[in-house]
């Protein structure tokens, strides 16, 4: 409840590669779009 609105520019920059390094997403995982015309791509 105490979290307040903040501008995006004030938040720490996190590269997508950090998610891979940390094991939150593993190489080979397939990502998808959420729309009806589903698009796919694999993480390297």
ModelCIF file with pLDDT and N, C-alpha, C, O atoms, coordinates in Angstrom:
data_MODEL
#
_entry.id   MODEL 
#
_entity.id                         1 
_entity.type                       polymer 
_entity.pdbx_number_of_molecules   1 
#
_entity_poly.entity_id                      1 
_entity_poly.type                           'polypeptide(L)' 
_entity_poly.nstd_linkage                   no 
_entity_poly.nstd_monomer                   no 
_entity_poly.pdbx_seq_one_letter_code       
;(UNK)(UNK)(UNK)(UNK)(UNK)(UNK)(UNK)(UNK)(UNK)(UNK)(UNK)(UNK)(UNK)(UNK)(UNK)(UNK)
(UNK)(UNK)(UNK)(UNK)(UNK)(UNK)(UNK)(UNK)(UNK)(UNK)(UNK)(UNK)(UNK)(UNK)(UNK)(UNK)
(UNK)(UNK)(UNK)(UNK)(UNK)(UNK)(UNK)(UNK)(UNK)(UNK)(UNK)(UNK)
;
_entity_poly.pdbx_seq_one_letter_code_can   XXXXXXXXXXXXXXXXXXXXXXXXXXXXXXXXXXXXXXXXXXXX 
_entity_poly.pdbx_strand_id                 A 
#
loop_
_entity_poly_seq.entity_id 
_entity_poly_seq.num 
_entity_poly_seq.mon_id 
_entity_poly_seq.hetero 
1 1  UNK n 
1 2  UNK n 
1 3  UNK n 
1 4  UNK n 
1 5  UNK n 
1 6  UNK n 
1 7  UNK n 
1 8  UNK n 
1 9  UNK n 
1 10 UNK n 
1 11 UNK n 
1 12 UNK n 
1 13 UNK n 
1 14 UNK n 
1 15 UNK n 
1 16 UNK n 
1 17 UNK n 
1 18 UNK n 
1 19 UNK n 
1 20 UNK n 
1 21 UNK n 
1 22 UNK n 
1 23 UNK n 
1 24 UNK n 
1 25 UNK n 
1 26 UNK n 
1 27 UNK n 
1 28 UNK n 
1 29 UNK n 
1 30 UNK n 
1 31 UNK n 
1 32 UNK n 
1 33 UNK n 
1 34 UNK n 
1 35 UNK n 
1 36 UNK n 
1 37 UNK n 
1 38 UNK n 
1 39 UNK n 
1 40 UNK n 
1 41 UNK n 
1 42 UNK n 
1 43 UNK n 
1 44 UNK n 
#
_struct_asym.id          A 
_struct_asym.entity_id   1 
#
loop_
_ma_qa_metric.id 
_ma_qa_metric.mode 
_ma_qa_metric.name 
_ma_qa_metric.software_group_id 
_ma_qa_metric.type 
1 global pLDDT . pLDDT 
2 local  pLDDT . pLDDT 
#
_ma_qa_metric_global.metric_id      1 
_ma_qa_metric_global.metric_value   86.84 
_ma_qa_metric_global.model_id       1 
_ma_qa_metric_global.ordinal_id     1 
#
loop_
_ma_qa_metric_local.label_asym_id 
_ma_qa_metric_local.label_comp_id 
_ma_qa_metric_local.label_seq_id 
_ma_qa_metric_local.metric_id 
_ma_qa_metric_local.metric_value 
_ma_qa_metric_local.model_id 
_ma_qa_metric_local.ordinal_id 
A UNK 1  2 88.00 1 1  
A UNK 2  2 87.00 1 2  
A UNK 3  2 81.00 1 3  
A UNK 4  2 81.00 1 4  
A UNK 5  2 75.00 1 5  
A UNK 6  2 71.00 1 6  
A UNK 7  2 71.00 1 7  
A UNK 8  2 61.00 1 8  
A UNK 9  2 64.00 1 9  
A UNK 10 2 64.00 1 10 
A UNK 11 2 71.00 1 11 
A UNK 12 2 79.00 1 12 
A UNK 13 2 85.00 1 13 
A UNK 14 2 90.00 1 14 
A UNK 15 2 93.00 1 15 
A UNK 16 2 95.00 1 16 
A UNK 17 2 94.00 1 17 
A UNK 18 2 92.00 1 18 
A UNK 19 2 94.00 1 19 
A UNK 20 2 94.00 1 20 
A UNK 21 2 94.00 1 21 
A UNK 22 2 90.00 1 22 
A UNK 23 2 93.00 1 23 
A UNK 24 2 93.00 1 24 
A UNK 25 2 95.00 1 25 
A UNK 26 2 95.00 1 26 
A UNK 27 2 95.00 1 27 
A UNK 28 2 95.00 1 28 
A UNK 29 2 96.00 1 29 
A UNK 30 2 96.00 1 30 
A UNK 31 2 96.00 1 31 
A UNK 32 2 95.00 1 32 
A UNK 33 2 94.00 1 33 
A UNK 34 2 87.00 1 34 
A UNK 35 2 74.00 1 35 
A UNK 36 2 72.00 1 36 
A UNK 37 2 70.00 1 37 
A UNK 38 2 85.00 1 38 
A UNK 39 2 94.00 1 39 
A UNK 40 2 95.00 1 40 
A UNK 41 2 97.00 1 41 
A UNK 42 2 97.00 1 42 
A UNK 43 2 97.00 1 43 
A UNK 44 2 96.00 1 44 
#
loop_
_atom_site.group_PDB 
_atom_site.id 
_atom_site.type_symbol 
_atom_site.label_atom_id 
_atom_site.label_alt_id 
_atom_site.label_comp_id 
_atom_site.label_asym_id 
_atom_site.label_entity_id 
_atom_site.label_seq_id 
_atom_site.pdbx_PDB_ins_code 
_atom_site.Cartn_x 
_atom_site.Cartn_y 
_atom_site.Cartn_z 
_atom_site.occupancy 
_atom_site.B_iso_or_equiv 
_atom_site.pdbx_formal_charge 
_atom_site.auth_seq_id 
_atom_site.auth_comp_id 
_atom_site.auth_asym_id 
_atom_site.auth_atom_id 
_atom_site.pdbx_PDB_model_num 
ATOM 1   N N  . UNK A 1 1  ? 0.821  -1.207  0.000   1.00 88.00 ? 1  UNK A N  1 
ATOM 2   C CA . UNK A 1 1  ? 0.000  0.000   0.000   1.00 88.00 ? 1  UNK A CA 1 
ATOM 3   C C  . UNK A 1 1  ? 0.856  1.258   0.000   1.00 88.00 ? 1  UNK A C  1 
ATOM 4   O O  . UNK A 1 1  ? 0.455  2.286   -0.545  1.00 88.00 ? 1  UNK A O  1 
ATOM 5   N N  . UNK A 1 2  ? 2.042  1.177   0.615   1.00 87.00 ? 2  UNK A N  1 
ATOM 6   C CA . UNK A 1 2  ? 2.921  2.346   0.709   1.00 87.00 ? 2  UNK A CA 1 
ATOM 7   C C  . UNK A 1 2  ? 3.663  2.652   -0.584  1.00 87.00 ? 2  UNK A C  1 
ATOM 8   O O  . UNK A 1 2  ? 4.227  3.737   -0.725  1.00 87.00 ? 2  UNK A O  1 
ATOM 9   N N  . UNK A 1 3  ? 3.674  1.719   -1.532  1.00 81.00 ? 3  UNK A N  1 
ATOM 10  C CA . UNK A 1 3  ? 4.374  1.953   -2.797  1.00 81.00 ? 3  UNK A CA 1 
ATOM 11  C C  . UNK A 1 3  ? 3.688  3.080   -3.556  1.00 81.00 ? 3  UNK A C  1 
ATOM 12  O O  . UNK A 1 3  ? 2.471  3.054   -3.745  1.00 81.00 ? 3  UNK A O  1 
ATOM 13  N N  . UNK A 1 4  ? 4.467  4.076   -3.995  1.00 81.00 ? 4  UNK A N  1 
ATOM 14  C CA . UNK A 1 4  ? 3.895  5.227   -4.689  1.00 81.00 ? 4  UNK A CA 1 
ATOM 15  C C  . UNK A 1 4  ? 4.318  5.227   -6.145  1.00 81.00 ? 4  UNK A C  1 
ATOM 16  O O  . UNK A 1 4  ? 5.281  4.561   -6.525  1.00 81.00 ? 4  UNK A O  1 
ATOM 17  N N  . UNK A 1 5  ? 3.589  5.981   -6.956  1.00 75.00 ? 5  UNK A N  1 
ATOM 18  C CA . UNK A 1 5  ? 3.883  6.090   -8.376  1.00 75.00 ? 5  UNK A CA 1 
ATOM 19  C C  . UNK A 1 5  ? 5.238  6.768   -8.574  1.00 75.00 ? 5  UNK A C  1 
ATOM 20  O O  . UNK A 1 5  ? 5.530  7.785   -7.946  1.00 75.00 ? 5  UNK A O  1 
ATOM 21  N N  . UNK A 1 6  ? 6.059  6.196   -9.453  1.00 71.00 ? 6  UNK A N  1 
ATOM 22  C CA . UNK A 1 6  ? 7.371  6.770   -9.742  1.00 71.00 ? 6  UNK A CA 1 
ATOM 23  C C  . UNK A 1 6  ? 7.599  6.779   -11.249 1.00 71.00 ? 6  UNK A C  1 
ATOM 24  O O  . UNK A 1 6  ? 7.087  5.913   -11.959 1.00 71.00 ? 6  UNK A O  1 
ATOM 25  N N  . UNK A 1 7  ? 8.366  7.753   -11.743 1.00 71.00 ? 7  UNK A N  1 
ATOM 26  C CA . UNK A 1 7  ? 8.676  7.769   -13.177 1.00 71.00 ? 7  UNK A CA 1 
ATOM 27  C C  . UNK A 1 7  ? 9.575  6.599   -13.535 1.00 71.00 ? 7  UNK A C  1 
ATOM 28  O O  . UNK A 1 7  ? 10.426 6.197   -12.742 1.00 71.00 ? 7  UNK A O  1 
ATOM 29  N N  . UNK A 1 8  ? 9.387  6.053   -14.728 1.00 61.00 ? 8  UNK A N  1 
ATOM 30  C CA . UNK A 1 8  ? 10.190 4.910   -15.157 1.00 61.00 ? 8  UNK A CA 1 
ATOM 31  C C  . UNK A 1 8  ? 11.682 5.233   -15.150 1.00 61.00 ? 8  UNK A C  1 
ATOM 32  O O  . UNK A 1 8  ? 12.505 4.368   -14.851 1.00 61.00 ? 8  UNK A O  1 
ATOM 33  N N  . UNK A 1 9  ? 12.032 6.482   -15.481 1.00 64.00 ? 9  UNK A N  1 
ATOM 34  C CA . UNK A 1 9  ? 13.446 6.844   -15.589 1.00 64.00 ? 9  UNK A CA 1 
ATOM 35  C C  . UNK A 1 9  ? 14.165 6.771   -14.242 1.00 64.00 ? 9  UNK A C  1 
ATOM 36  O O  . UNK A 1 9  ? 15.393 6.703   -14.192 1.00 64.00 ? 9  UNK A O  1 
ATOM 37  N N  . UNK A 1 10 ? 13.395 6.785   -13.151 1.00 64.00 ? 10 UNK A N  1 
ATOM 38  C CA . UNK A 1 10 ? 14.035 6.750   -11.835 1.00 64.00 ? 10 UNK A CA 1 
ATOM 39  C C  . UNK A 1 10 ? 14.319 5.338   -11.353 1.00 64.00 ? 10 UNK A C  1 
ATOM 40  O O  . UNK A 1 10 ? 14.986 5.148   -10.335 1.00 64.00 ? 10 UNK A O  1 
ATOM 41  N N  . UNK A 1 11 ? 13.811 4.337   -12.087 1.00 71.00 ? 11 UNK A N  1 
ATOM 42  C CA . UNK A 1 11 ? 13.994 2.951   -11.662 1.00 71.00 ? 11 UNK A CA 1 
ATOM 43  C C  . UNK A 1 11 ? 15.322 2.405   -12.181 1.00 71.00 ? 11 UNK A C  1 
ATOM 44  O O  . UNK A 1 11 ? 15.777 2.817   -13.248 1.00 71.00 ? 11 UNK A O  1 
ATOM 45  N N  . UNK A 1 12 ? 15.956 1.480   -11.443 1.00 79.00 ? 12 UNK A N  1 
ATOM 46  C CA . UNK A 1 12 ? 17.237 0.916   -11.875 1.00 79.00 ? 12 UNK A CA 1 
ATOM 47  C C  . UNK A 1 12 ? 17.111 0.203   -13.220 1.00 79.00 ? 12 UNK A C  1 
ATOM 48  O O  . UNK A 1 12 ? 16.125 -0.489  -13.473 1.00 79.00 ? 12 UNK A O  1 
ATOM 49  N N  . UNK A 1 13 ? 18.116 0.377   -14.079 1.00 85.00 ? 13 UNK A N  1 
ATOM 50  C CA . UNK A 1 13 ? 18.110 -0.292  -15.376 1.00 85.00 ? 13 UNK A CA 1 
ATOM 51  C C  . UNK A 1 13 ? 18.460 -1.759  -15.192 1.00 85.00 ? 13 UNK A C  1 
ATOM 52  O O  . UNK A 1 13 ? 19.439 -2.098  -14.526 1.00 85.00 ? 13 UNK A O  1 
ATOM 53  N N  . UNK A 1 14 ? 17.649 -2.625  -15.792 1.00 90.00 ? 14 UNK A N  1 
ATOM 54  C CA . UNK A 1 14 ? 17.888 -4.068  -15.716 1.00 90.00 ? 14 UNK A CA 1 
ATOM 55  C C  . UNK A 1 14 ? 17.896 -4.621  -17.144 1.00 90.00 ? 14 UNK A C  1 
ATOM 56  O O  . UNK A 1 14 ? 16.834 -4.693  -17.763 1.00 90.00 ? 14 UNK A O  1 
ATOM 57  N N  . UNK A 1 15 ? 19.040 -5.011  -17.683 1.00 93.00 ? 15 UNK A N  1 
ATOM 58  C CA . UNK A 1 15 ? 19.083 -5.612  -19.016 1.00 93.00 ? 15 UNK A CA 1 
ATOM 59  C C  . UNK A 1 15 ? 18.368 -6.967  -19.025 1.00 93.00 ? 15 UNK A C  1 
ATOM 60  O O  . UNK A 1 15 ? 18.311 -7.658  -18.009 1.00 93.00 ? 15 UNK A O  1 
ATOM 61  N N  . UNK A 1 16 ? 17.827 -7.330  -20.182 1.00 95.00 ? 16 UNK A N  1 
ATOM 62  C CA . UNK A 1 16 ? 17.144 -8.622  -20.276 1.00 95.00 ? 16 UNK A CA 1 
ATOM 63  C C  . UNK A 1 16 ? 18.098 -9.769  -19.961 1.00 95.00 ? 16 UNK A C  1 
ATOM 64  O O  . UNK A 1 16 ? 17.687 -10.787 -19.405 1.00 95.00 ? 16 UNK A O  1 
ATOM 65  N N  . UNK A 1 17 ? 19.383 -9.605  -20.319 1.00 94.00 ? 17 UNK A N  1 
ATOM 66  C CA . UNK A 1 17 ? 20.365 -10.645 -20.049 1.00 94.00 ? 17 UNK A CA 1 
ATOM 67  C C  . UNK A 1 17 ? 20.506 -10.967 -18.573 1.00 94.00 ? 17 UNK A C  1 
ATOM 68  O O  . UNK A 1 17 ? 20.908 -12.075 -18.216 1.00 94.00 ? 17 UNK A O  1 
ATOM 69  N N  . UNK A 1 18 ? 20.178 -10.003 -17.702 1.00 92.00 ? 18 UNK A N  1 
ATOM 70  C CA . UNK A 1 18 ? 20.257 -10.245 -16.259 1.00 92.00 ? 18 UNK A CA 1 
ATOM 71  C C  . UNK A 1 18 ? 19.291 -11.342 -15.841 1.00 92.00 ? 18 UNK A C  1 
ATOM 72  O O  . UNK A 1 18 ? 19.595 -12.142 -14.957 1.00 92.00 ? 18 UNK A O  1 
ATOM 73  N N  . UNK A 1 19 ? 18.108 -11.378 -16.487 1.00 94.00 ? 19 UNK A N  1 
ATOM 74  C CA . UNK A 1 19 ? 17.136 -12.426 -16.162 1.00 94.00 ? 19 UNK A CA 1 
ATOM 75  C C  . UNK A 1 19 ? 17.689 -13.802 -16.510 1.00 94.00 ? 19 UNK A C  1 
ATOM 76  O O  . UNK A 1 19 ? 17.431 -14.789 -15.821 1.00 94.00 ? 19 UNK A O  1 
ATOM 77  N N  . UNK A 1 20 ? 18.474 -13.843 -17.620 1.00 94.00 ? 20 UNK A N  1 
ATOM 78  C CA . UNK A 1 20 ? 19.066 -15.111 -18.050 1.00 94.00 ? 20 UNK A CA 1 
ATOM 79  C C  . UNK A 1 20 ? 20.200 -15.503 -17.109 1.00 94.00 ? 20 UNK A C  1 
ATOM 80  O O  . UNK A 1 20 ? 20.304 -16.661 -16.702 1.00 94.00 ? 20 UNK A O  1 
ATOM 81  N N  . UNK A 1 21 ? 21.050 -14.538 -16.765 1.00 94.00 ? 21 UNK A N  1 
ATOM 82  C CA . UNK A 1 21 ? 22.159 -14.807 -15.845 1.00 94.00 ? 21 UNK A CA 1 
ATOM 83  C C  . UNK A 1 21 ? 21.672 -15.311 -14.495 1.00 94.00 ? 21 UNK A C  1 
ATOM 84  O O  . UNK A 1 21 ? 22.274 -16.200 -13.894 1.00 94.00 ? 21 UNK A O  1 
ATOM 85  N N  . UNK A 1 22 ? 20.579 -14.731 -14.033 1.00 90.00 ? 22 UNK A N  1 
ATOM 86  C CA . UNK A 1 22 ? 20.062 -15.075 -12.709 1.00 90.00 ? 22 UNK A CA 1 
ATOM 87  C C  . UNK A 1 22 ? 19.257 -16.370 -12.715 1.00 90.00 ? 22 UNK A C  1 
ATOM 88  O O  . UNK A 1 22 ? 18.846 -16.849 -11.658 1.00 90.00 ? 22 UNK A O  1 
ATOM 89  N N  . UNK A 1 23 ? 19.031 -16.933 -13.887 1.00 93.00 ? 23 UNK A N  1 
ATOM 90  C CA . UNK A 1 23 ? 18.290 -18.186 -13.974 1.00 93.00 ? 23 UNK A CA 1 
ATOM 91  C C  . UNK A 1 23 ? 16.786 -18.016 -13.883 1.00 93.00 ? 23 UNK A C  1 
ATOM 92  O O  . UNK A 1 23 ? 16.062 -19.002 -13.746 1.00 93.00 ? 23 UNK A O  1 
ATOM 93  N N  . UNK A 1 24 ? 16.300 -16.776 -13.958 1.00 93.00 ? 24 UNK A N  1 
ATOM 94  C CA . UNK A 1 24 ? 14.855 -16.568 -13.938 1.00 93.00 ? 24 UNK A CA 1 
ATOM 95  C C  . UNK A 1 24 ? 14.226 -17.018 -15.251 1.00 93.00 ? 24 UNK A C  1 
ATOM 96  O O  . UNK A 1 24 ? 13.077 -17.459 -15.286 1.00 93.00 ? 24 UNK A O  1 
ATOM 97  N N  . UNK A 1 25 ? 14.998 -16.900 -16.329 1.00 95.00 ? 25 UNK A N  1 
ATOM 98  C CA . UNK A 1 25 ? 14.621 -17.465 -17.619 1.00 95.00 ? 25 UNK A CA 1 
ATOM 99  C C  . UNK A 1 25 ? 15.854 -18.198 -18.152 1.00 95.00 ? 25 UNK A C  1 
ATOM 100 O O  . UNK A 1 25 ? 16.954 -17.646 -18.123 1.00 95.00 ? 25 UNK A O  1 
ATOM 101 N N  . UNK A 1 26 ? 15.690 -19.410 -18.630 1.00 95.00 ? 26 UNK A N  1 
ATOM 102 C CA . UNK A 1 26 ? 16.843 -20.195 -19.077 1.00 95.00 ? 26 UNK A CA 1 
ATOM 103 C C  . UNK A 1 26 ? 16.967 -20.157 -20.599 1.00 95.00 ? 26 UNK A C  1 
ATOM 104 O O  . UNK A 1 26 ? 15.959 -20.065 -21.300 1.00 95.00 ? 26 UNK A O  1 
ATOM 105 N N  . UNK A 1 27 ? 18.204 -20.227 -21.119 1.00 95.00 ? 27 UNK A N  1 
ATOM 106 C CA . UNK A 1 27 ? 18.387 -20.314 -22.570 1.00 95.00 ? 27 UNK A CA 1 
ATOM 107 C C  . UNK A 1 27 ? 17.594 -21.479 -23.148 1.00 95.00 ? 27 UNK A C  1 
ATOM 108 O O  . UNK A 1 27 ? 17.557 -22.565 -22.571 1.00 95.00 ? 27 UNK A O  1 
ATOM 109 N N  . UNK A 1 28 ? 16.970 -21.245 -24.275 1.00 95.00 ? 28 UNK A N  1 
ATOM 110 C CA . UNK A 1 28 ? 16.122 -22.259 -24.889 1.00 95.00 ? 28 UNK A CA 1 
ATOM 111 C C  . UNK A 1 28 ? 14.649 -22.072 -24.593 1.00 95.00 ? 28 UNK A C  1 
ATOM 112 O O  . UNK A 1 28 ? 13.802 -22.660 -25.266 1.00 95.00 ? 28 UNK A O  1 
ATOM 113 N N  . UNK A 1 29 ? 14.327 -21.251 -23.581 1.00 96.00 ? 29 UNK A N  1 
ATOM 114 C CA . UNK A 1 29 ? 12.915 -20.985 -23.268 1.00 96.00 ? 29 UNK A CA 1 
ATOM 115 C C  . UNK A 1 29 ? 12.271 -20.232 -24.424 1.00 96.00 ? 29 UNK A C  1 
ATOM 116 O O  . UNK A 1 29 ? 12.860 -19.299 -24.971 1.00 96.00 ? 29 UNK A O  1 
ATOM 117 N N  . UNK A 1 30 ? 11.071 -20.636 -24.789 1.00 96.00 ? 30 UNK A N  1 
ATOM 118 C CA . UNK A 1 30 ? 10.334 -19.972 -25.866 1.00 96.00 ? 30 UNK A CA 1 
ATOM 119 C C  . UNK A 1 30 ? 9.410  -18.919 -25.262 1.00 96.00 ? 30 UNK A C  1 
ATOM 120 O O  . UNK A 1 30 ? 8.586  -19.216 -24.397 1.00 96.00 ? 30 UNK A O  1 
ATOM 121 N N  . UNK A 1 31 ? 9.560  -17.709 -25.724 1.00 96.00 ? 31 UNK A N  1 
ATOM 122 C CA . UNK A 1 31 ? 8.679  -16.610 -25.314 1.00 96.00 ? 31 UNK A CA 1 
ATOM 123 C C  . UNK A 1 31 ? 7.576  -16.439 -26.344 1.00 96.00 ? 31 UNK A C  1 
ATOM 124 O O  . UNK A 1 31 ? 7.764  -16.747 -27.521 1.00 96.00 ? 31 UNK A O  1 
ATOM 125 N N  . UNK A 1 32 ? 6.441  -15.955 -25.906 1.00 95.00 ? 32 UNK A N  1 
ATOM 126 C CA . UNK A 1 32 ? 5.295  -15.779 -26.792 1.00 95.00 ? 32 UNK A CA 1 
ATOM 127 C C  . UNK A 1 32 ? 4.682  -14.406 -26.604 1.00 95.00 ? 32 UNK A C  1 
ATOM 128 O O  . UNK A 1 32 ? 4.816  -13.788 -25.548 1.00 95.00 ? 32 UNK A O  1 
ATOM 129 N N  . UNK A 1 33 ? 4.007  -13.938 -27.645 1.00 94.00 ? 33 UNK A N  1 
ATOM 130 C CA . UNK A 1 33 ? 3.186  -12.736 -27.505 1.00 94.00 ? 33 UNK A CA 1 
ATOM 131 C C  . UNK A 1 33 ? 1.851  -13.145 -26.912 1.00 94.00 ? 33 UNK A C  1 
ATOM 132 O O  . UNK A 1 33 ? 1.499  -14.325 -26.923 1.00 94.00 ? 33 UNK A O  1 
ATOM 133 N N  . UNK A 1 34 ? 1.115  -12.189 -26.401 1.00 87.00 ? 34 UNK A N  1 
ATOM 134 C CA . UNK A 1 34 ? -0.146 -12.517 -25.729 1.00 87.00 ? 34 UNK A CA 1 
ATOM 135 C C  . UNK A 1 34 ? -1.344 -12.373 -26.649 1.00 87.00 ? 34 UNK A C  1 
ATOM 136 O O  . UNK A 1 34 ? -2.449 -12.775 -26.285 1.00 87.00 ? 34 UNK A O  1 
ATOM 137 N N  . UNK A 1 35 ? -1.150 -11.810 -27.828 1.00 74.00 ? 35 UNK A N  1 
ATOM 138 C CA . UNK A 1 35 ? -2.276 -11.549 -28.710 1.00 74.00 ? 35 UNK A CA 1 
ATOM 139 C C  . UNK A 1 35 ? -2.806 -12.788 -29.401 1.00 74.00 ? 35 UNK A C  1 
ATOM 140 O O  . UNK A 1 35 ? -2.265 -13.884 -29.262 1.00 74.00 ? 35 UNK A O  1 
ATOM 141 N N  . UNK A 1 36 ? -3.880 -12.587 -30.150 1.00 72.00 ? 36 UNK A N  1 
ATOM 142 C CA . UNK A 1 36 ? -4.506 -13.699 -30.861 1.00 72.00 ? 36 UNK A CA 1 
ATOM 143 C C  . UNK A 1 36 ? -3.567 -14.253 -31.924 1.00 72.00 ? 36 UNK A C  1 
ATOM 144 O O  . UNK A 1 36 ? -3.496 -15.466 -32.120 1.00 72.00 ? 36 UNK A O  1 
ATOM 145 N N  . UNK A 1 37 ? -2.831 -13.351 -32.627 1.00 70.00 ? 37 UNK A N  1 
ATOM 146 C CA . UNK A 1 37 ? -1.833 -13.788 -33.604 1.00 70.00 ? 37 UNK A CA 1 
ATOM 147 C C  . UNK A 1 37 ? -0.541 -14.044 -32.850 1.00 70.00 ? 37 UNK A C  1 
ATOM 148 O O  . UNK A 1 37 ? 0.305  -13.157 -32.737 1.00 70.00 ? 37 UNK A O  1 
ATOM 149 N N  . UNK A 1 38 ? -0.391 -15.242 -32.339 1.00 85.00 ? 38 UNK A N  1 
ATOM 150 C CA . UNK A 1 38 ? 0.704  -15.584 -31.443 1.00 85.00 ? 38 UNK A CA 1 
ATOM 151 C C  . UNK A 1 38 ? 2.044  -15.582 -32.175 1.00 85.00 ? 38 UNK A C  1 
ATOM 152 O O  . UNK A 1 38 ? 2.204  -16.228 -33.210 1.00 85.00 ? 38 UNK A O  1 
ATOM 153 N N  . UNK A 1 39 ? 3.011  -14.836 -31.611 1.00 94.00 ? 39 UNK A N  1 
ATOM 154 C CA . UNK A 1 39 ? 4.374  -14.824 -32.132 1.00 94.00 ? 39 UNK A CA 1 
ATOM 155 C C  . UNK A 1 39 ? 5.268  -15.509 -31.108 1.00 94.00 ? 39 UNK A C  1 
ATOM 156 O O  . UNK A 1 39 ? 4.991  -15.492 -29.909 1.00 94.00 ? 39 UNK A O  1 
ATOM 157 N N  . UNK A 1 40 ? 6.366  -16.124 -31.613 1.00 95.00 ? 40 UNK A N  1 
ATOM 158 C CA . UNK A 1 40 ? 7.249  -16.879 -30.739 1.00 95.00 ? 40 UNK A CA 1 
ATOM 159 C C  . UNK A 1 40 ? 8.704  -16.512 -31.025 1.00 95.00 ? 40 UNK A C  1 
ATOM 160 O O  . UNK A 1 40 ? 9.055  -16.137 -32.144 1.00 95.00 ? 40 UNK A O  1 
ATOM 161 N N  . UNK A 1 41 ? 9.534  -16.625 -30.004 1.00 97.00 ? 41 UNK A N  1 
ATOM 162 C CA . UNK A 1 41 ? 10.980 -16.446 -30.162 1.00 97.00 ? 41 UNK A CA 1 
ATOM 163 C C  . UNK A 1 41 ? 11.672 -17.199 -29.036 1.00 97.00 ? 41 UNK A C  1 
ATOM 164 O O  . UNK A 1 41 ? 11.127 -17.343 -27.942 1.00 97.00 ? 41 UNK A O  1 
ATOM 165 N N  . UNK A 1 42 ? 12.890 -17.682 -29.320 1.00 97.00 ? 42 UNK A N  1 
ATOM 166 C CA . UNK A 1 42 ? 13.626 -18.480 -28.340 1.00 97.00 ? 42 UNK A CA 1 
ATOM 167 C C  . UNK A 1 42 ? 14.755 -17.646 -27.736 1.00 97.00 ? 42 UNK A C  1 
ATOM 168 O O  . UNK A 1 42 ? 15.415 -16.866 -28.423 1.00 97.00 ? 42 UNK A O  1 
ATOM 169 N N  . UNK A 1 43 ? 14.956 -17.836 -26.417 1.00 97.00 ? 43 UNK A N  1 
ATOM 170 C CA . UNK A 1 43 ? 16.024 -17.118 -25.707 1.00 97.00 ? 43 UNK A CA 1 
ATOM 171 C C  . UNK A 1 43 ? 17.360 -17.800 -25.963 1.00 97.00 ? 43 UNK A C  1 
ATOM 172 O O  . UNK A 1 43 ? 17.476 -19.022 -25.867 1.00 97.00 ? 43 UNK A O  1 
ATOM 173 N N  . UNK A 1 44 ? 18.390 -16.974 -26.297 1.00 96.00 ? 44 UNK A N  1 
ATOM 174 C CA . UNK A 1 44 ? 19.744 -17.501 -26.462 1.00 96.00 ? 44 UNK A CA 1 
ATOM 175 C C  . UNK A 1 44 ? 20.562 -17.190 -25.206 1.00 96.00 ? 44 UNK A C  1 
ATOM 176 O O  . UNK A 1 44 ? 21.738 -17.547 -25.131 1.00 96.00 ? 44 UNK A O  1 
#
